[in-house]
C-alpha atoms as a PDB file:
ATOM      1  CA  UNK A   1      -7.979  -0.114 -16.138  1.00  0.00           C
ATOM      2  CA  UNK A   2      -7.808   1.548 -12.710  1.00  0.00           C
ATOM      3  CA  UNK A   3      -4.729   1.376 -10.486  1.00  0.00           C
ATOM      4  CA  UNK A   4      -6.642  -0.822  -8.030  1.00  0.00           C
ATOM      5  CA  UNK A   5      -7.548  -3.285 -10.805  1.00  0.00           C
ATOM      6  CA  UNK A   6      -3.931  -3.343 -11.966  1.00  0.00           C
ATOM      7  CA  UNK A   7      -2.660  -4.109  -8.447  1.00  0.00           C
ATOM      8  CA  UNK A   8      -5.201  -6.943  -8.143  1.00  0.00           C
ATOM      9  CA  UNK A   9      -4.216  -8.391 -11.542  1.00  0.00           C
ATOM     10  CA  UNK A  10      -0.536  -8.301 -10.557  1.00  0.00           C
ATOM     11  CA  UNK A  11      -1.116 -10.504  -7.527  1.00  0.00           C
ATOM     12  CA  UNK A  12      -2.563  -8.145  -4.938  1.00  0.00           C
ATOM     13  CA  UNK A  13       0.543  -6.320  -3.715  1.00  0.00           C
ATOM     14  CA  UNK A  14      -1.133  -5.295  -0.447  1.00  0.00           C
ATOM     15  CA  UNK A  15       0.186  -2.048   0.995  1.00  0.00           C
ATOM     16  CA  UNK A  16       1.431  -0.767  -2.378  1.00  0.00           C
ATOM     17  CA  UNK A  17       0.017   1.593  -4.965  1.00  0.00           C
ATOM     18  CA  UNK A  18       0.828   2.081  -8.637  1.00  0.00           C
ATOM     19  CA  UNK A  19       3.252   4.969  -9.153  1.00  0.00           C
ATOM     20  CA  UNK A  20       3.487   4.547 -12.929  1.00  0.00           C
ATOM     21  CA  UNK A  21       2.774   2.044 -15.689  1.00  0.00           C
ATOM     22  CA  UNK A  22       4.408   2.417 -19.077  1.00  0.00           C
ATOM     23  CA  UNK A  23       5.709   0.596 -22.100  1.00  0.00           C
ATOM     24  CA  UNK A  24       9.489   0.866 -22.489  1.00  0.00           C
ATOM     25  CA  UNK A  25      11.957  -0.193 -25.147  1.00  0.00           C
ATOM     26  CA  UNK A  26      13.763  -3.173 -23.634  1.00  0.00           C
ATOM     27  CA  UNK A  27      16.163  -4.104 -26.427  1.00  0.00           C
ATOM     28  CA  UNK A  28      17.092  -1.544 -29.048  1.00  0.00           C
ATOM     29  CA  UNK A  29      18.571  -4.116 -31.449  1.00  0.00           C
ATOM     30  CA  UNK A  30      15.436  -6.268 -31.617  1.00  0.00           C
ATOM     31  CA  UNK A  31      12.943  -3.484 -30.940  1.00  0.00           C
ATOM     32  CA  UNK A  32      11.484  -5.546 -28.070  1.00  0.00           C
ATOM     33  CA  UNK A  33       9.327  -3.624 -25.597  1.00  0.00           C
ATOM     34  CA  UNK A  34       8.314  -4.426 -22.038  1.00  0.00           C
ATOM     35  CA  UNK A  35       5.564  -3.209 -19.721  1.00  0.00           C
ATOM     36  CA  UNK A  36       7.038  -1.628 -16.582  1.00  0.00           C
ATOM     37  CA  UNK A  37       4.891  -0.960 -13.507  1.00  0.00           C
ATOM     38  CA  UNK A  38       6.266   1.035 -10.576  1.00  0.00           C
ATOM     39  CA  UNK A  39       4.906   0.158  -7.141  1.00  0.00           C
ATOM     40  CA  UNK A  40       5.467   2.278  -4.035  1.00  0.00           C
ATOM     41  CA  UNK A  41       4.466   1.741  -0.444  1.00  0.00           C
ATOM     42  CA  UNK A  42       1.243   3.429   0.626  1.00  0.00           C
ATOM     43  CA  UNK A  43       3.197   4.774   3.575  1.00  0.00           C
ATOM     44  CA  UNK A  44       2.388   4.620   7.232  1.00  0.00           C
ATOM     45  CA  UNK A  45       4.123   2.326   9.649  1.00  0.00           C
ATOM     46  CA  UNK A  46       5.287  -1.018   8.348  1.00  0.00           C
ATOM     47  CA  UNK A  47       4.664  -4.276  10.121  1.00  0.00           C
ATOM     48  CA  UNK A  48       7.289  -6.535  11.638  1.00  0.00           C
ATOM     49  CA  UNK A  49       7.378  -9.794   9.658  1.00  0.00           C
ATOM     50  CA  UNK A  50       8.057 -11.790  12.842  1.00  0.00           C
ATOM     51  CA  UNK A  51       5.415 -10.476  15.266  1.00  0.00           C
ATOM     52  CA  UNK A  52       3.160  -8.126  13.271  1.00  0.00           C
ATOM     53  CA  UNK A  53       3.899  -5.066  15.449  1.00  0.00           C
ATOM     54  CA  UNK A  54       3.781  -1.631  13.829  1.00  0.00           C
ATOM     55  CA  UNK A  55       7.178  -0.072  13.197  1.00  0.00           C
ATOM     56  CA  UNK A  56       7.766   3.408  11.747  1.00  0.00           C
ATOM     57  CA  UNK A  57      11.592   3.360  11.747  1.00  0.00           C
ATOM     58  CA  UNK A  58      13.092   2.565   8.344  1.00  0.00           C
ATOM     59  CA  UNK A  59      16.531   0.921   8.297  1.00  0.00           C
ATOM     60  CA  UNK A  60      16.939   0.838   4.515  1.00  0.00           C
ATOM     61  CA  UNK A  61      15.040   1.474   1.283  1.00  0.00           C
ATOM     62  CA  UNK A  62      15.761   0.046  -2.141  1.00  0.00           C
ATOM     63  CA  UNK A  63      14.129  -0.562  -5.501  1.00  0.00           C
ATOM     64  CA  UNK A  64      13.877  -4.170  -6.645  1.00  0.00           C
ATOM     65  CA  UNK A  65      12.950  -5.506 -10.047  1.00  0.00           C
ATOM     66  CA  UNK A  66      10.471  -8.389 -10.161  1.00  0.00           C
ATOM     67  CA  UNK A  67       9.701 -10.217 -13.386  1.00  0.00           C
ATOM     68  CA  UNK A  68       5.953 -10.742 -13.789  1.00  0.00           C
ATOM     69  CA  UNK A  69       3.963 -12.832 -16.229  1.00  0.00           C
ATOM     70  CA  UNK A  70       3.566 -11.308 -19.712  1.00  0.00           C
ATOM     71  CA  UNK A  71       0.989  -8.547 -20.124  1.00  0.00           C
ATOM     72  CA  UNK A  72      -0.615  -7.879 -23.503  1.00  0.00           C
ATOM     73  CA  UNK A  73       1.861 -10.331 -25.052  1.00  0.00           C
ATOM     74  CA  UNK A  74       4.893  -8.404 -23.760  1.00  0.00           C
ATOM     75  CA  UNK A  75       7.266  -9.101 -20.917  1.00  0.00           C
ATOM     76  CA  UNK A  76       6.352  -7.301 -17.698  1.00  0.00           C
ATOM     77  CA  UNK A  77       8.561  -6.005 -14.917  1.00  0.00           C
ATOM     78  CA  UNK A  78       7.593  -4.540 -11.547  1.00  0.00           C
ATOM     79  CA  UNK A  79       9.795  -1.905  -9.943  1.00  0.00           C
ATOM     80  CA  UNK A  80       9.014  -2.292  -6.255  1.00  0.00           C
ATOM     81  CA  UNK A  81      10.306   0.104  -3.610  1.00  0.00           C
ATOM     82  CA  UNK A  82      10.822  -1.943  -0.471  1.00  0.00           C
ATOM     83  CA  UNK A  83      11.548  -0.847   3.065  1.00  0.00           C
ATOM     84  CA  UNK A  84      13.518  -2.785   5.649  1.00  0.00           C
ATOM     85  CA  UNK A  85      12.338  -1.805   9.086  1.00  0.00           C
ATOM     86  CA  UNK A  86      14.393  -1.156  12.169  1.00  0.00           C
ATOM     87  CA  UNK A  87      12.399  -2.934  14.846  1.00  0.00           C
ATOM     88  CA  UNK A  88      15.081  -2.661  17.529  1.00  0.00           C
ATOM     89  CA  UNK A  89      18.591  -1.257  17.864  1.00  0.00           C
ATOM     90  CA  UNK A  90      20.027  -4.666  16.876  1.00  0.00           C
ATOM     91  CA  UNK A  91      17.609  -5.005  13.897  1.00  0.00           C
ATOM     92  CA  UNK A  92      15.916  -8.053  15.446  1.00  0.00           C
ATOM     93  CA  UNK A  93      12.335  -8.298  16.633  1.00  0.00           C
ATOM     94  CA  UNK A  94      12.151  -7.645  20.373  1.00  0.00           C
ATOM     95  CA  UNK A  95       8.696  -9.244  20.648  1.00  0.00           C
ATOM     96  CA  UNK A  96       9.600 -12.795  19.573  1.00  0.00           C
END
């Protein structure tokens, strides 16, 4: 499966690419495994959620964990790196 096919199957995370996909031990006691897929931004300027303007200034970056539907009969988690954009000095859209 290509990275593009994987992104599409996971719900089309537009603007992201697959950084890694692996099977990890989730619970040592039970031996339960999970599929973990890392998604990172494709880069470039982000878009303001309020007005759609391009914005290259990043206010904050963090990794979030998103539980996805099971894959291959195993639980699946997405590790998504998200950016919060600084669209103005007060962190509010100046175009709306």
